[in-house]
Structures are given as structure tokens and as C-alpha cells.
PDB file of all heavy atoms in Angstrom:
ATOM      1  N   ALA A   1       0.835  -1.207   0.000  1.00  0.00           N
ATOM      2  CA  ALA A   1       0.000   0.000   0.000  1.00  0.00           C
ATOM      3  C   ALA A   1       0.869   1.256   0.000  1.00  0.00           C
ATOM      4  O   ALA A   1       1.969   1.270   0.568  1.00  0.00           O
ATOM      5  CB  ALA A   1      -0.925   0.005   1.210  1.00  0.00           C
ATOM      6  N   LYS A   2       0.372   2.316  -0.597  1.00  0.00           N
ATOM      7  CA  LYS A   2       1.119   3.573  -0.675  1.00  0.00           C
ATOM      8  C   LYS A   2       1.455   4.098   0.716  1.00  0.00           C
ATOM      9  O   LYS A   2       2.561   4.596   0.954  1.00  0.00           O
ATOM     10  CB  LYS A   2       0.320   4.621  -1.444  1.00  0.00           C
ATOM     11  CG  LYS A   2       1.073   5.945  -1.630  1.00  0.00           C
ATOM     12  CD  LYS A   2       0.268   6.949  -2.430  1.00  0.00           C
ATOM     13  CE  LYS A   2       1.086   8.218  -2.698  1.00  0.00           C
ATOM     14  NZ  LYS A   2       1.525   8.903  -1.462  1.00  0.00           N
ATOM     15  N   ILE A   3       0.514   3.974   1.655  1.00  0.00           N
ATOM     16  CA  ILE A   3       0.763   4.509   3.001  1.00  0.00           C
ATOM     17  C   ILE A   3       1.952   3.805   3.647  1.00  0.00           C
ATOM     18  O   ILE A   3       2.704   4.413   4.422  1.00  0.00           O
ATOM     19  CB  ILE A   3      -0.508   4.400   3.884  1.00  0.00           C
ATOM     20  CG1 ILE A   3      -0.353   5.274   5.137  1.00  0.00           C
ATOM     21  CG2 ILE A   3      -0.808   2.946   4.256  1.00  0.00           C
ATOM     22  CD1 ILE A   3      -1.642   5.461   5.903  1.00  0.00           C
ATOM     23  N   HIS A   4       2.140   2.533   3.306  1.00  0.00           N
ATOM     24  CA  HIS A   4       3.295   1.826   3.867  1.00  0.00           C
ATOM     25  C   HIS A   4       4.584   2.239   3.168  1.00  0.00           C
ATOM     26  O   HIS A   4       5.610   2.461   3.837  1.00  0.00           O
ATOM     27  CB  HIS A   4       3.130   0.312   3.768  1.00  0.00           C
ATOM     28  CG  HIS A   4       4.342  -0.430   4.255  1.00  0.00           C
ATOM     29  ND1 HIS A   4       4.700  -0.472   5.585  1.00  0.00           N
ATOM     30  CD2 HIS A   4       5.318  -1.101   3.584  1.00  0.00           C
ATOM     31  CE1 HIS A   4       5.831  -1.144   5.717  1.00  0.00           C
ATOM     32  NE2 HIS A   4       6.226  -1.536   4.509  1.00  0.00           N
ATOM     33  N   HIS A   5       4.569   2.331   1.856  1.00  0.00           N
ATOM     34  CA  HIS A   5       5.759   2.784   1.128  1.00  0.00           C
ATOM     35  C   HIS A   5       6.203   4.151   1.642  1.00  0.00           C
ATOM     36  O   HIS A   5       7.400   4.379   1.878  1.00  0.00           O
ATOM     37  CB  HIS A   5       5.462   2.844  -0.377  1.00  0.00           C
ATOM     38  CG  HIS A   5       5.604   1.528  -1.071  1.00  0.00           C
ATOM     39  ND1 HIS A   5       6.517   1.300  -2.063  1.00  0.00           N
ATOM     40  CD2 HIS A   5       4.958   0.344  -0.881  1.00  0.00           C
ATOM     41  CE1 HIS A   5       6.431   0.045  -2.477  1.00  0.00           C
ATOM     42  NE2 HIS A   5       5.478  -0.551  -1.787  1.00  0.00           N
ATOM     43  N   ASP A   6       5.232   5.035   1.853  1.00  0.00           N
ATOM     44  CA  ASP A   6       5.555   6.380   2.345  1.00  0.00           C
ATOM     45  C   ASP A   6       6.122   6.331   3.762  1.00  0.00           C
ATOM     46  O   ASP A   6       7.121   6.992   4.072  1.00  0.00           O
ATOM     47  CB  ASP A   6       4.304   7.269   2.319  1.00  0.00           C
ATOM     48  CG  ASP A   6       3.844   7.586   0.900  1.00  0.00           C
ATOM     49  OD1 ASP A   6       4.639   7.365  -0.039  1.00  0.00           O
ATOM     50  OD2 ASP A   6       2.695   8.043   0.741  1.00  0.00           O
ATOM     51  N   THR A   7       5.490   5.523   4.627  1.00  0.00           N
ATOM     52  CA  THR A   7       5.925   5.435   6.030  1.00  0.00           C
ATOM     53  C   THR A   7       7.327   4.843   6.142  1.00  0.00           C
ATOM     54  O   THR A   7       8.177   5.359   6.881  1.00  0.00           O
ATOM     55  CB  THR A   7       4.923   4.591   6.850  1.00  0.00           C
ATOM     56  OG1 THR A   7       3.626   5.175   6.764  1.00  0.00           O
ATOM     57  CG2 THR A   7       5.340   4.512   8.316  1.00  0.00           C
ATOM     58  N   ALA A   8       7.580   3.754   5.405  1.00  0.00           N
ATOM     59  CA  ALA A   8       8.892   3.107   5.460  1.00  0.00           C
ATOM     60  C   ALA A   8       9.970   4.020   4.882  1.00  0.00           C
ATOM     61  O   ALA A   8      11.091   4.109   5.423  1.00  0.00           O
ATOM     62  CB  ALA A   8       8.856   1.783   4.709  1.00  0.00           C
ATOM     63  N   SER A   9       9.649   4.711   3.791  1.00  0.00           N
ATOM     64  CA  SER A   9      10.613   5.637   3.178  1.00  0.00           C
ATOM     65  C   SER A   9      10.952   6.781   4.117  1.00  0.00           C
ATOM     66  O   SER A   9      12.126   7.158   4.268  1.00  0.00           O
ATOM     67  CB  SER A   9      10.049   6.189   1.862  1.00  0.00           C
ATOM     68  OG  SER A   9       9.891   5.156   0.914  1.00  0.00           O
ATOM     69  N   GLU A  10       9.920   7.316   4.777  1.00  0.00           N
ATOM     70  CA  GLU A  10      10.143   8.421   5.728  1.00  0.00           C
ATOM     71  C   GLU A  10      11.000   7.959   6.904  1.00  0.00           C
ATOM     72  O   GLU A  10      11.867   8.696   7.382  1.00  0.00           O
ATOM     73  CB  GLU A  10       8.802   8.954   6.235  1.00  0.00           C
ATOM     74  CG  GLU A  10       8.003   9.729   5.195  1.00  0.00           C
ATOM     75  CD  GLU A  10       6.548   9.929   5.620  1.00  0.00           C
ATOM     76  OE1 GLU A  10       6.223   9.620   6.791  1.00  0.00           O
ATOM     77  OE2 GLU A  10       5.744  10.371   4.768  1.00  0.00           O
ATOM     78  N   PHE A  11      10.745   6.746   7.374  1.00  0.00           N
ATOM     79  CA  PHE A  11      11.505   6.201   8.501  1.00  0.00           C
ATOM     80  C   PHE A  11      12.980   6.077   8.116  1.00  0.00           C
ATOM     81  O   PHE A  11      13.873   6.506   8.858  1.00  0.00           O
ATOM     82  CB  PHE A  11      10.935   4.838   8.892  1.00  0.00           C
ATOM     83  CG  PHE A  11      11.285   4.393  10.278  1.00  0.00           C
ATOM     84  CD1 PHE A  11      10.343   4.419  11.287  1.00  0.00           C
ATOM     85  CD2 PHE A  11      12.563   3.936  10.592  1.00  0.00           C
ATOM     86  CE1 PHE A  11      10.661   4.005  12.586  1.00  0.00           C
ATOM     87  CE2 PHE A  11      12.892   3.519  11.861  1.00  0.00           C
ATOM     88  CZ  PHE A  11      11.940   3.558  12.868  1.00  0.00           C
ATOM     89  N   PHE A  12      13.218   5.478   6.936  1.00  0.00           N
ATOM     90  CA  PHE A  12      14.598   5.325   6.471  1.00  0.00           C
ATOM     91  C   PHE A  12      15.256   6.691   6.316  1.00  0.00           C
ATOM     92  O   PHE A  12      16.400   6.892   6.732  1.00  0.00           O
ATOM     93  CB  PHE A  12      14.617   4.578   5.129  1.00  0.00           C
ATOM     94  CG  PHE A  12      15.997   4.409   4.548  1.00  0.00           C
ATOM     95  CD1 PHE A  12      16.744   3.281   4.822  1.00  0.00           C
ATOM     96  CD2 PHE A  12      16.559   5.393   3.729  1.00  0.00           C
ATOM     97  CE1 PHE A  12      18.025   3.118   4.296  1.00  0.00           C
ATOM     98  CE2 PHE A  12      17.833   5.243   3.196  1.00  0.00           C
ATOM     99  CZ  PHE A  12      18.562   4.102   3.484  1.00  0.00           C
ATOM    100  N   ARG A  13      14.535   7.610   5.701  1.00  0.00           N
ATOM    101  CA  ARG A  13      15.112   8.927   5.415  1.00  0.00           C
ATOM    102  C   ARG A  13      15.482   9.666   6.692  1.00  0.00           C
ATOM    103  O   ARG A  13      16.520  10.344   6.751  1.00  0.00           O
ATOM    104  CB  ARG A  13      14.116   9.750   4.598  1.00  0.00           C
ATOM    105  CG  ARG A  13      14.685  11.072   4.096  1.00  0.00           C
ATOM    106  CD  ARG A  13      15.618  10.855   2.925  1.00  0.00           C
ATOM    107  NE  ARG A  13      16.598  11.930   2.829  1.00  0.00           N
ATOM    108  CZ  ARG A  13      17.319  12.183   1.749  1.00  0.00           C
ATOM    109  NH1 ARG A  13      17.188  11.425   0.684  1.00  0.00           N
ATOM    110  NH2 ARG A  13      18.189  13.163   1.731  1.00  0.00           N
ATOM    111  N   LYS A  14      14.653   9.520   7.743  1.00  0.00           N
ATOM    112  CA  LYS A  14      14.957  10.203   8.996  1.00  0.00           C
ATOM    113  C   LYS A  14      16.258   9.673   9.593  1.00  0.00           C
ATOM    114  O   LYS A  14      17.118  10.440  10.038  1.00  0.00           O
ATOM    115  CB  LYS A  14      13.815  10.053   9.998  1.00  0.00           C
ATOM    116  CG  LYS A  14      14.057  10.820  11.295  1.00  0.00           C
ATOM    117  CD  LYS A  14      12.834  10.855  12.196  1.00  0.00           C
ATOM    118  CE  LYS A  14      13.124  11.668  13.462  1.00  0.00           C
ATOM    119  NZ  LYS A  14      11.942  11.731  14.361  1.00  0.00           N
ATOM    120  N   LEU A  15      16.422   8.341   9.602  1.00  0.00           N
ATOM    121  CA  LEU A  15      17.659   7.760  10.126  1.00  0.00           C
ATOM    122  C   LEU A  15      18.851   8.134   9.256  1.00  0.00           C
ATOM    123  O   LEU A  15      19.951   8.417   9.761  1.00  0.00           O
ATOM    124  CB  LEU A  15      17.530   6.234  10.227  1.00  0.00           C
ATOM    125  CG  LEU A  15      17.010   5.674  11.560  1.00  0.00           C
ATOM    126  CD1 LEU A  15      15.647   6.226  11.924  1.00  0.00           C
ATOM    127  CD2 LEU A  15      16.973   4.144  11.535  1.00  0.00           C
ATOM    128  N   TYR A  16      18.620   8.185   7.950  1.00  0.00           N
ATOM    129  CA  TYR A  16      19.684   8.554   7.010  1.00  0.00           C
ATOM    130  C   TYR A  16      20.137   9.994   7.251  1.00  0.00           C
ATOM    131  O   TYR A  16      21.342  10.273   7.337  1.00  0.00           O
ATOM    132  CB  TYR A  16      19.167   8.385   5.577  1.00  0.00           C
ATOM    133  CG  TYR A  16      20.146   8.806   4.506  1.00  0.00           C
ATOM    134  CD1 TYR A  16      21.127   7.931   4.036  1.00  0.00           C
ATOM    135  CD2 TYR A  16      20.089  10.092   3.954  1.00  0.00           C
ATOM    136  CE1 TYR A  16      22.020   8.313   3.046  1.00  0.00           C
ATOM    137  CE2 TYR A  16      20.979  10.486   2.969  1.00  0.00           C
ATOM    138  CZ  TYR A  16      21.942   9.598   2.518  1.00  0.00           C
ATOM    139  OH  TYR A  16      22.827   9.989   1.540  1.00  0.00           O
ATOM    140  N   ASP A  17      19.167  10.892   7.401  1.00  0.00           N
ATOM    141  CA  ASP A  17      19.495  12.308   7.600  1.00  0.00           C
ATOM    142  C   ASP A  17      20.199  12.550   8.938  1.00  0.00           C
ATOM    143  O   ASP A  17      21.001  13.486   9.066  1.00  0.00           O
ATOM    144  CB  ASP A  17      18.224  13.165   7.526  1.00  0.00           C
ATOM    145  CG  ASP A  17      17.648  13.235   6.113  1.00  0.00           C
ATOM    146  OD1 ASP A  17      18.394  12.924   5.164  1.00  0.00           O
ATOM    147  OD2 ASP A  17      16.457  13.577   5.975  1.00  0.00           O
ATOM    148  N   LYS A  18      19.923  11.685   9.924  1.00  0.00           N
ATOM    149  CA  LYS A  18      20.576  11.816  11.233  1.00  0.00           C
ATOM    150  C   LYS A  18      21.973  11.178  11.240  1.00  0.00           C
ATOM    151  O   LYS A  18      22.687  11.258  12.234  1.00  0.00           O
ATOM    152  CB  LYS A  18      19.724  11.143  12.320  1.00  0.00           C
ATOM    153  CG  LYS A  18      18.433  11.893  12.651  1.00  0.00           C
ATOM    154  CD  LYS A  18      17.539  11.068  13.577  1.00  0.00           C
ATOM    155  CE  LYS A  18      18.224  10.821  14.919  1.00  0.00           C
ATOM    156  NZ  LYS A  18      17.363  10.010  15.821  1.00  0.00           N
ATOM    157  N   GLY A  19      22.321  10.520  10.135  1.00  0.00           N
ATOM    158  CA  GLY A  19      23.633   9.874  10.071  1.00  0.00           C
ATOM    159  C   GLY A  19      23.705   8.570  10.829  1.00  0.00           C
ATOM    160  O   GLY A  19      24.782   8.156  11.277  1.00  0.00           O
ATOM    161  N   ASP A  20      22.550   7.895  10.976  1.00  0.00           N
ATOM    162  CA  ASP A  20      22.520   6.651  11.748  1.00  0.00           C
ATOM    163  C   ASP A  20      22.951   5.427  10.956  1.00  0.00           C
ATOM    164  O   ASP A  20      23.144   4.354  11.529  1.00  0.00           O
ATOM    165  CB  ASP A  20      21.113   6.415  12.317  1.00  0.00           C
ATOM    166  CG  ASP A  20      20.809   7.309  13.507  1.00  0.00           C
ATOM    167  OD1 ASP A  20      21.695   7.454  14.369  1.00  0.00           O
ATOM    168  OD2 ASP A  20      19.699   7.862  13.572  1.00  0.00           O
ATOM    169  N   PHE A  21      23.087   5.552   9.645  1.00  0.00           N
ATOM    170  CA  PHE A  21      23.502   4.421   8.831  1.00  0.00           C
ATOM    171  C   PHE A  21      24.985   4.494   8.487  1.00  0.00           C
ATOM    172  O   PHE A  21      25.575   5.576   8.451  1.00  0.00           O
ATOM    173  CB  PHE A  21      22.705   4.366   7.524  1.00  0.00           C
ATOM    174  CG  PHE A  21      21.241   4.078   7.700  1.00  0.00           C
ATOM    175  CD1 PHE A  21      20.286   4.871   7.072  1.00  0.00           C
ATOM    176  CD2 PHE A  21      20.804   3.027   8.478  1.00  0.00           C
ATOM    177  CE1 PHE A  21      18.934   4.623   7.213  1.00  0.00           C
ATOM    178  CE2 PHE A  21      19.450   2.765   8.636  1.00  0.00           C
ATOM    179  CZ  PHE A  21      18.519   3.562   8.004  1.00  0.00           C
ATOM    180  N   ILE A  22      25.550   3.322   8.212  1.00  0.00           N
ATOM    181  CA  ILE A  22      26.902   3.228   7.671  1.00  0.00           C
ATOM    182  C   ILE A  22      26.767   2.903   6.188  1.00  0.00           C
ATOM    183  O   ILE A  22      26.078   1.948   5.820  1.00  0.00           O
ATOM    184  CB  ILE A  22      27.714   2.119   8.376  1.00  0.00           C
ATOM    185  CG1 ILE A  22      27.851   2.399   9.879  1.00  0.00           C
ATOM    186  CG2 ILE A  22      29.083   1.960   7.724  1.00  0.00           C
ATOM    187  CD1 ILE A  22      28.427   1.219  10.657  1.00  0.00           C
ATOM    188  N   GLU A  23      27.386   3.715   5.351  1.00  0.00           N
ATOM    189  CA  GLU A  23      27.375   3.450   3.906  1.00  0.00           C
ATOM    190  C   GLU A  23      28.658   2.709   3.558  1.00  0.00           C
ATOM    191  O   GLU A  23      29.751   3.166   3.884  1.00  0.00           O
ATOM    192  CB  GLU A  23      27.285   4.772   3.140  1.00  0.00           C
ATOM    193  CG  GLU A  23      27.135   4.606   1.644  1.00  0.00           C
ATOM    194  CD  GLU A  23      26.998   5.946   0.941  1.00  0.00           C
ATOM    195  OE1 GLU A  23      26.163   6.782   1.378  1.00  0.00           O
ATOM    196  OE2 GLU A  23      27.763   6.162  -0.029  1.00  0.00           O
ATOM    197  N   GLU A  24      28.510   1.564   2.895  1.00  0.00           N
ATOM    198  CA  GLU A  24      29.687   0.728   2.694  1.00  0.00           C
ATOM    199  C   GLU A  24      29.592  -0.052   1.383  1.00  0.00           C
ATOM    200  O   GLU A  24      28.514  -0.508   0.997  1.00  0.00           O
ATOM    201  CB  GLU A  24      29.789  -0.270   3.867  1.00  0.00           C
ATOM    202  CG  GLU A  24      31.151  -0.889   4.059  1.00  0.00           C
ATOM    203  CD  GLU A  24      31.192  -1.699   5.361  1.00  0.00           C
ATOM    204  OE1 GLU A  24      30.909  -1.140   6.435  1.00  0.00           O
ATOM    205  OE2 GLU A  24      31.497  -2.891   5.256  1.00  0.00           O
ATOM    206  N   VAL A  25      30.731  -0.163   0.695  1.00  0.00           N
ATOM    207  CA  VAL A  25      30.813  -1.016  -0.488  1.00  0.00           C
ATOM    208  C   VAL A  25      31.298  -2.386  -0.025  1.00  0.00           C
ATOM    209  O   VAL A  25      32.348  -2.504   0.607  1.00  0.00           O
ATOM    210  CB  VAL A  25      31.775  -0.436  -1.542  1.00  0.00           C
ATOM    211  CG1 VAL A  25      31.948  -1.424  -2.702  1.00  0.00           C
ATOM    212  CG2 VAL A  25      31.258   0.904  -2.049  1.00  0.00           C
ATOM    213  N   THR A  26      30.510  -3.410  -0.323  1.00  0.00           N
ATOM    214  CA  THR A  26      30.847  -4.760   0.138  1.00  0.00           C
ATOM    215  C   THR A  26      30.817  -5.736  -1.029  1.00  0.00           C
ATOM    216  O   THR A  26      30.320  -5.435  -2.110  1.00  0.00           O
ATOM    217  CB  THR A  26      29.845  -5.248   1.204  1.00  0.00           C
ATOM    218  OG1 THR A  26      28.542  -5.304   0.618  1.00  0.00           O
ATOM    219  CG2 THR A  26      29.836  -4.321   2.405  1.00  0.00           C
ATOM    220  N   GLU A  27      31.365  -6.904  -0.779  1.00  0.00           N
ATOM    221  CA  GLU A  27      31.345  -7.982  -1.759  1.00  0.00           C
ATOM    222  C   GLU A  27      30.088  -8.811  -1.514  1.00  0.00           C
ATOM    223  O   GLU A  27      29.877  -9.332  -0.421  1.00  0.00           O
ATOM    224  CB  GLU A  27      32.588  -8.856  -1.588  1.00  0.00           C
ATOM    225  CG  GLU A  27      33.897  -8.104  -1.800  1.00  0.00           C
ATOM    226  CD  GLU A  27      34.355  -8.150  -3.247  1.00  0.00           C
ATOM    227  OE1 GLU A  27      34.948  -9.156  -3.649  1.00  0.00           O
ATOM    228  OE2 GLU A  27      34.081  -7.173  -3.973  1.00  0.00           O
ATOM    229  N   GLN A  28      29.252  -8.932  -2.534  1.00  0.00           N
ATOM    230  CA  GLN A  28      28.028  -9.727  -2.435  1.00  0.00           C
ATOM    231  C   GLN A  28      28.056 -10.816  -3.497  1.00  0.00           C
ATOM    232  O   GLN A  28      28.723 -10.694  -4.533  1.00  0.00           O
ATOM    233  CB  GLN A  28      26.802  -8.831  -2.635  1.00  0.00           C
ATOM    234  CG  GLN A  28      26.657  -7.716  -1.604  1.00  0.00           C
ATOM    235  CD  GLN A  28      26.244  -8.235  -0.243  1.00  0.00           C
ATOM    236  OE1 GLN A  28      25.553  -9.248  -0.134  1.00  0.00           O
ATOM    237  NE2 GLN A  28      26.676  -7.555   0.802  1.00  0.00           N
ATOM    238  N   LEU A  29      27.311 -11.886  -3.239  1.00  0.00           N
ATOM    239  CA  LEU A  29      27.250 -12.988  -4.197  1.00  0.00           C
ATOM    240  C   LEU A  29      26.458 -12.561  -5.436  1.00  0.00           C
ATOM    241  O   LEU A  29      25.397 -11.949  -5.337  1.00  0.00           O
ATOM    242  CB  LEU A  29      26.610 -14.214  -3.555  1.00  0.00           C
ATOM    243  CG  LEU A  29      27.422 -14.855  -2.416  1.00  0.00           C
ATOM    244  CD1 LEU A  29      26.679 -16.052  -1.846  1.00  0.00           C
ATOM    245  CD2 LEU A  29      28.814 -15.262  -2.878  1.00  0.00           C
ATOM    246  N   TYR A  30      27.009 -12.930  -6.588  1.00  0.00           N
ATOM    247  CA  TYR A  30      26.445 -12.484  -7.866  1.00  0.00           C
ATOM    248  C   TYR A  30      26.392 -13.671  -8.820  1.00  0.00           C
ATOM    249  O   TYR A  30      27.352 -14.419  -8.963  1.00  0.00           O
ATOM    250  CB  TYR A  30      27.327 -11.373  -8.446  1.00  0.00           C
ATOM    251  CG  TYR A  30      26.846 -10.763  -9.739  1.00  0.00           C
ATOM    252  CD1 TYR A  30      25.908  -9.736  -9.729  1.00  0.00           C
ATOM    253  CD2 TYR A  30      27.344 -11.206 -10.968  1.00  0.00           C
ATOM    254  CE1 TYR A  30      25.468  -9.162 -10.914  1.00  0.00           C
ATOM    255  CE2 TYR A  30      26.919 -10.637 -12.160  1.00  0.00           C
ATOM    256  CZ  TYR A  30      25.974  -9.613 -12.127  1.00  0.00           C
ATOM    257  OH  TYR A  30      25.536  -9.041 -13.298  1.00  0.00           O
ATOM    258  N   ASP A  31      25.227 -13.869  -9.447  1.00  0.00           N
ATOM    259  CA  ASP A  31      25.066 -14.945 -10.424  1.00  0.00           C
ATOM    260  C   ASP A  31      25.355 -14.363 -11.806  1.00  0.00           C
ATOM    261  O   ASP A  31      24.544 -13.620 -12.369  1.00  0.00           O
ATOM    262  CB  ASP A  31      23.635 -15.493 -10.351  1.00  0.00           C
ATOM    263  CG  ASP A  31      23.436 -16.719 -11.239  1.00  0.00           C
ATOM    264  OD1 ASP A  31      24.112 -16.817 -12.279  1.00  0.00           O
ATOM    265  OD2 ASP A  31      22.600 -17.570 -10.884  1.00  0.00           O
ATOM    266  N   ALA A  32      26.509 -14.689 -12.338  1.00  0.00           N
ATOM    267  CA  ALA A  32      26.920 -14.126 -13.625  1.00  0.00           C
ATOM    268  C   ALA A  32      26.016 -14.597 -14.760  1.00  0.00           C
ATOM    269  O   ALA A  32      25.721 -13.848 -15.689  1.00  0.00           O
ATOM    270  CB  ALA A  32      28.375 -14.507 -13.914  1.00  0.00           C
ATOM    271  N   LYS A  33      25.546 -15.828 -14.684  1.00  0.00           N
ATOM    272  CA  LYS A  33      24.689 -16.356 -15.741  1.00  0.00           C
ATOM    273  C   LYS A  33      23.338 -15.645 -15.763  1.00  0.00           C
ATOM    274  O   LYS A  33      22.796 -15.335 -16.822  1.00  0.00           O
ATOM    275  CB  LYS A  33      24.498 -17.863 -15.551  1.00  0.00           C
ATOM    276  CG  LYS A  33      23.755 -18.542 -16.682  1.00  0.00           C
ATOM    277  CD  LYS A  33      23.735 -20.056 -16.488  1.00  0.00           C
ATOM    278  CE  LYS A  33      23.030 -20.747 -17.645  1.00  0.00           C
ATOM    279  NZ  LYS A  33      23.012 -22.226 -17.457  1.00  0.00           N
ATOM    280  N   ALA A  34      22.773 -15.388 -14.556  1.00  0.00           N
ATOM    281  CA  ALA A  34      21.487 -14.689 -14.464  1.00  0.00           C
ATOM    282  C   ALA A  34      21.671 -13.176 -14.518  1.00  0.00           C
ATOM    283  O   ALA A  34      20.695 -12.436 -14.609  1.00  0.00           O
ATOM    284  CB  ALA A  34      20.769 -15.081 -13.175  1.00  0.00           C
ATOM    285  N   ASP A  35      22.935 -12.722 -14.416  1.00  0.00           N
ATOM    286  CA  ASP A  35      23.271 -11.303 -14.441  1.00  0.00           C
ATOM    287  C   ASP A  35      22.528 -10.537 -13.350  1.00  0.00           C
ATOM    288  O   ASP A  35      21.872  -9.524 -13.593  1.00  0.00           O
ATOM    289  CB  ASP A  35      22.948 -10.690 -15.812  1.00  0.00           C
ATOM    290  CG  ASP A  35      23.528  -9.276 -15.961  1.00  0.00           C
ATOM    291  OD1 ASP A  35      24.502  -8.964 -15.243  1.00  0.00           O
ATOM    292  OD2 ASP A  35      22.994  -8.492 -16.773  1.00  0.00           O
ATOM    293  N   GLN A  36      22.624 -11.041 -12.105  1.00  0.00           N
ATOM    294  CA  GLN A  36      22.001 -10.333 -10.987  1.00  0.00           C
ATOM    295  C   GLN A  36      22.660 -10.725  -9.671  1.00  0.00           C
ATOM    296  O   GLN A  36      23.200 -11.824  -9.527  1.00  0.00           O
ATOM    297  CB  GLN A  36      20.504 -10.613 -10.921  1.00  0.00           C
ATOM    298  CG  GLN A  36      20.128 -12.032 -10.503  1.00  0.00           C
ATOM    299  CD  GLN A  36      18.627 -12.211 -10.377  1.00  0.00           C
ATOM    300  OE1 GLN A  36      17.904 -12.255 -11.375  1.00  0.00           O
ATOM    301  NE2 GLN A  36      18.149 -12.290  -9.147  1.00  0.00           N
ATOM    302  N   PHE A  37      22.598  -9.763  -8.711  1.00  0.00           N
ATOM    303  CA  PHE A  37      23.016 -10.071  -7.357  1.00  0.00           C
ATOM    304  C   PHE A  37      22.003 -11.037  -6.757  1.00  0.00           C
ATOM    305  O   PHE A  37      20.809 -10.995  -7.080  1.00  0.00           O
ATOM    306  CB  PHE A  37      23.096  -8.800  -6.511  1.00  0.00           C
ATOM    307  CG  PHE A  37      24.331  -7.973  -6.781  1.00  0.00           C
ATOM    308  CD1 PHE A  37      24.273  -6.879  -7.633  1.00  0.00           C
ATOM    309  CD2 PHE A  37      25.532  -8.295  -6.180  1.00  0.00           C
ATOM    310  CE1 PHE A  37      25.407  -6.117  -7.883  1.00  0.00           C
ATOM    311  CE2 PHE A  37      26.675  -7.543  -6.412  1.00  0.00           C
ATOM    312  CZ  PHE A  37      26.619  -6.452  -7.277  1.00  0.00           C
ATOM    313  N   LEU A  38      22.481 -11.895  -5.867  1.00  0.00           N
ATOM    314  CA  LEU A  38      21.620 -12.912  -5.284  1.00  0.00           C
ATOM    315  C   LEU A  38      21.181 -12.511  -3.882  1.00  0.00           C
ATOM    316  O   LEU A  38      22.013 -12.382  -2.979  1.00  0.00           O
ATOM    317  CB  LEU A  38      22.348 -14.255  -5.234  1.00  0.00           C
ATOM    318  CG  LEU A  38      22.690 -14.875  -6.587  1.00  0.00           C
ATOM    319  CD1 LEU A  38      23.542 -16.125  -6.391  1.00  0.00           C
ATOM    320  CD2 LEU A  38      21.423 -15.214  -7.366  1.00  0.00           C
ATOM    321  N   ALA A  39      19.890 -12.291  -3.729  1.00  0.00           N
ATOM    322  CA  ALA A  39      19.350 -12.088  -2.387  1.00  0.00           C
ATOM    323  C   ALA A  39      19.540 -13.381  -1.597  1.00  0.00           C
ATOM    324  O   ALA A  39      19.717 -14.465  -2.167  1.00  0.00           O
ATOM    325  CB  ALA A  39      17.880 -11.718  -2.475  1.00  0.00           C
ATOM    326  N   ASP A  40      19.497 -13.260  -0.266  1.00  0.00           N
ATOM    327  CA  ASP A  40      19.854 -14.379   0.611  1.00  0.00           C
ATOM    328  C   ASP A  40      19.131 -15.681   0.287  1.00  0.00           C
ATOM    329  O   ASP A  40      19.705 -16.756   0.326  1.00  0.00           O
ATOM    330  CB  ASP A  40      19.578 -13.998   2.069  1.00  0.00           C
ATOM    331  CG  ASP A  40      20.424 -12.818   2.510  1.00  0.00           C
ATOM    332  OD1 ASP A  40      21.478 -12.598   1.901  1.00  0.00           O
ATOM    333  OD2 ASP A  40      20.025 -12.103   3.451  1.00  0.00           O
ATOM    334  N   ARG A  41      17.829 -15.585  -0.022  1.00  0.00           N
ATOM    335  CA  ARG A  41      17.039 -16.790  -0.258  1.00  0.00           C
ATOM    336  C   ARG A  41      17.263 -17.391  -1.640  1.00  0.00           C
ATOM    337  O   ARG A  41      16.735 -18.456  -1.943  1.00  0.00           O
ATOM    338  CB  ARG A  41      15.558 -16.494  -0.033  1.00  0.00           C
ATOM    339  CG  ARG A  41      15.195 -16.357   1.437  1.00  0.00           C
ATOM    340  CD  ARG A  41      14.800 -17.693   2.022  1.00  0.00           C
ATOM    341  NE  ARG A  41      14.951 -17.731   3.469  1.00  0.00           N
ATOM    342  CZ  ARG A  41      14.466 -18.699   4.244  1.00  0.00           C
ATOM    343  NH1 ARG A  41      13.811 -19.699   3.719  1.00  0.00           N
ATOM    344  NH2 ARG A  41      14.670 -18.682   5.549  1.00  0.00           N
ATOM    345  N   PHE A  42      18.026 -16.690  -2.469  1.00  0.00           N
ATOM    346  CA  PHE A  42      18.371 -17.240  -3.773  1.00  0.00           C
ATOM    347  C   PHE A  42      19.717 -17.959  -3.722  1.00  0.00           C
ATOM    348  O   PHE A  42      20.287 -18.296  -4.762  1.00  0.00           O
ATOM    349  CB  PHE A  42      18.406 -16.142  -4.842  1.00  0.00           C
ATOM    350  CG  PHE A  42      17.049 -15.765  -5.363  1.00  0.00           C
ATOM    351  CD1 PHE A  42      16.578 -14.472  -5.237  1.00  0.00           C
ATOM    352  CD2 PHE A  42      16.245 -16.705  -5.973  1.00  0.00           C
ATOM    353  CE1 PHE A  42      15.322 -14.122  -5.725  1.00  0.00           C
ATOM    354  CE2 PHE A  42      14.988 -16.367  -6.468  1.00  0.00           C
ATOM    355  CZ  PHE A  42      14.526 -15.071  -6.342  1.00  0.00           C
ATOM    356  N   VAL A  43      20.219 -18.174  -2.512  1.00  0.00           N
ATOM    357  CA  VAL A  43      21.490 -18.875  -2.327  1.00  0.00           C
ATOM    358  C   VAL A  43      21.293 -20.006  -1.329  1.00  0.00           C
ATOM    359  O   VAL A  43      20.682 -19.817  -0.278  1.00  0.00           O
ATOM    360  CB  VAL A  43      22.598 -17.938  -1.788  1.00  0.00           C
ATOM    361  CG1 VAL A  43      23.946 -18.666  -1.781  1.00  0.00           C
ATOM    362  CG2 VAL A  43      22.684 -16.665  -2.598  1.00  0.00           C
ATOM    363  N   THR A  44      21.785 -21.176  -1.659  1.00  0.00           N
ATOM    364  CA  THR A  44      21.831 -22.281  -0.701  1.00  0.00           C
ATOM    365  C   THR A  44      23.258 -22.815  -0.656  1.00  0.00           C
ATOM    366  O   THR A  44      24.033 -22.637  -1.597  1.00  0.00           O
ATOM    367  CB  THR A  44      20.873 -23.426  -1.082  1.00  0.00           C
ATOM    368  OG1 THR A  44      21.228 -23.916  -2.377  1.00  0.00           O
ATOM    369  CG2 THR A  44      19.434 -22.970  -1.084  1.00  0.00           C
ATOM    370  N   GLY A  45      23.573 -23.451   0.466  1.00  0.00           N
ATOM    371  CA  GLY A  45      24.911 -24.011   0.626  1.00  0.00           C
ATOM    372  C   GLY A  45      25.017 -24.713   1.958  1.00  0.00           C
ATOM    373  O   GLY A  45      24.012 -24.957   2.639  1.00  0.00           O
TER     374      GLY A  45
END
């Protein structure tokens, strides 16, 4: 729902503007054949 998208975005933005997040470049698992990063549930091991 739009009200949720707006609420979650506002929540994130408030923490972001206060400097509460760490911005970081990290190594993530990537499926070269599918040409996409793999979210956690798209990986098993």
C-alpha cells in the first residue's frame, strides 16, 4: 500500500538524515549467468 511505502521511506530517510547508517561497499554474491546479485534466499549451501 502507498501509506506503507511512504511510512517506510520516511523512517529510512529520517535515520539517514541523522547519520545513523553506515554506507559501505561490500562484496556480495552475484550470479553471472542470471546477471544479478543474489538475495539471501536465492542462495543455498
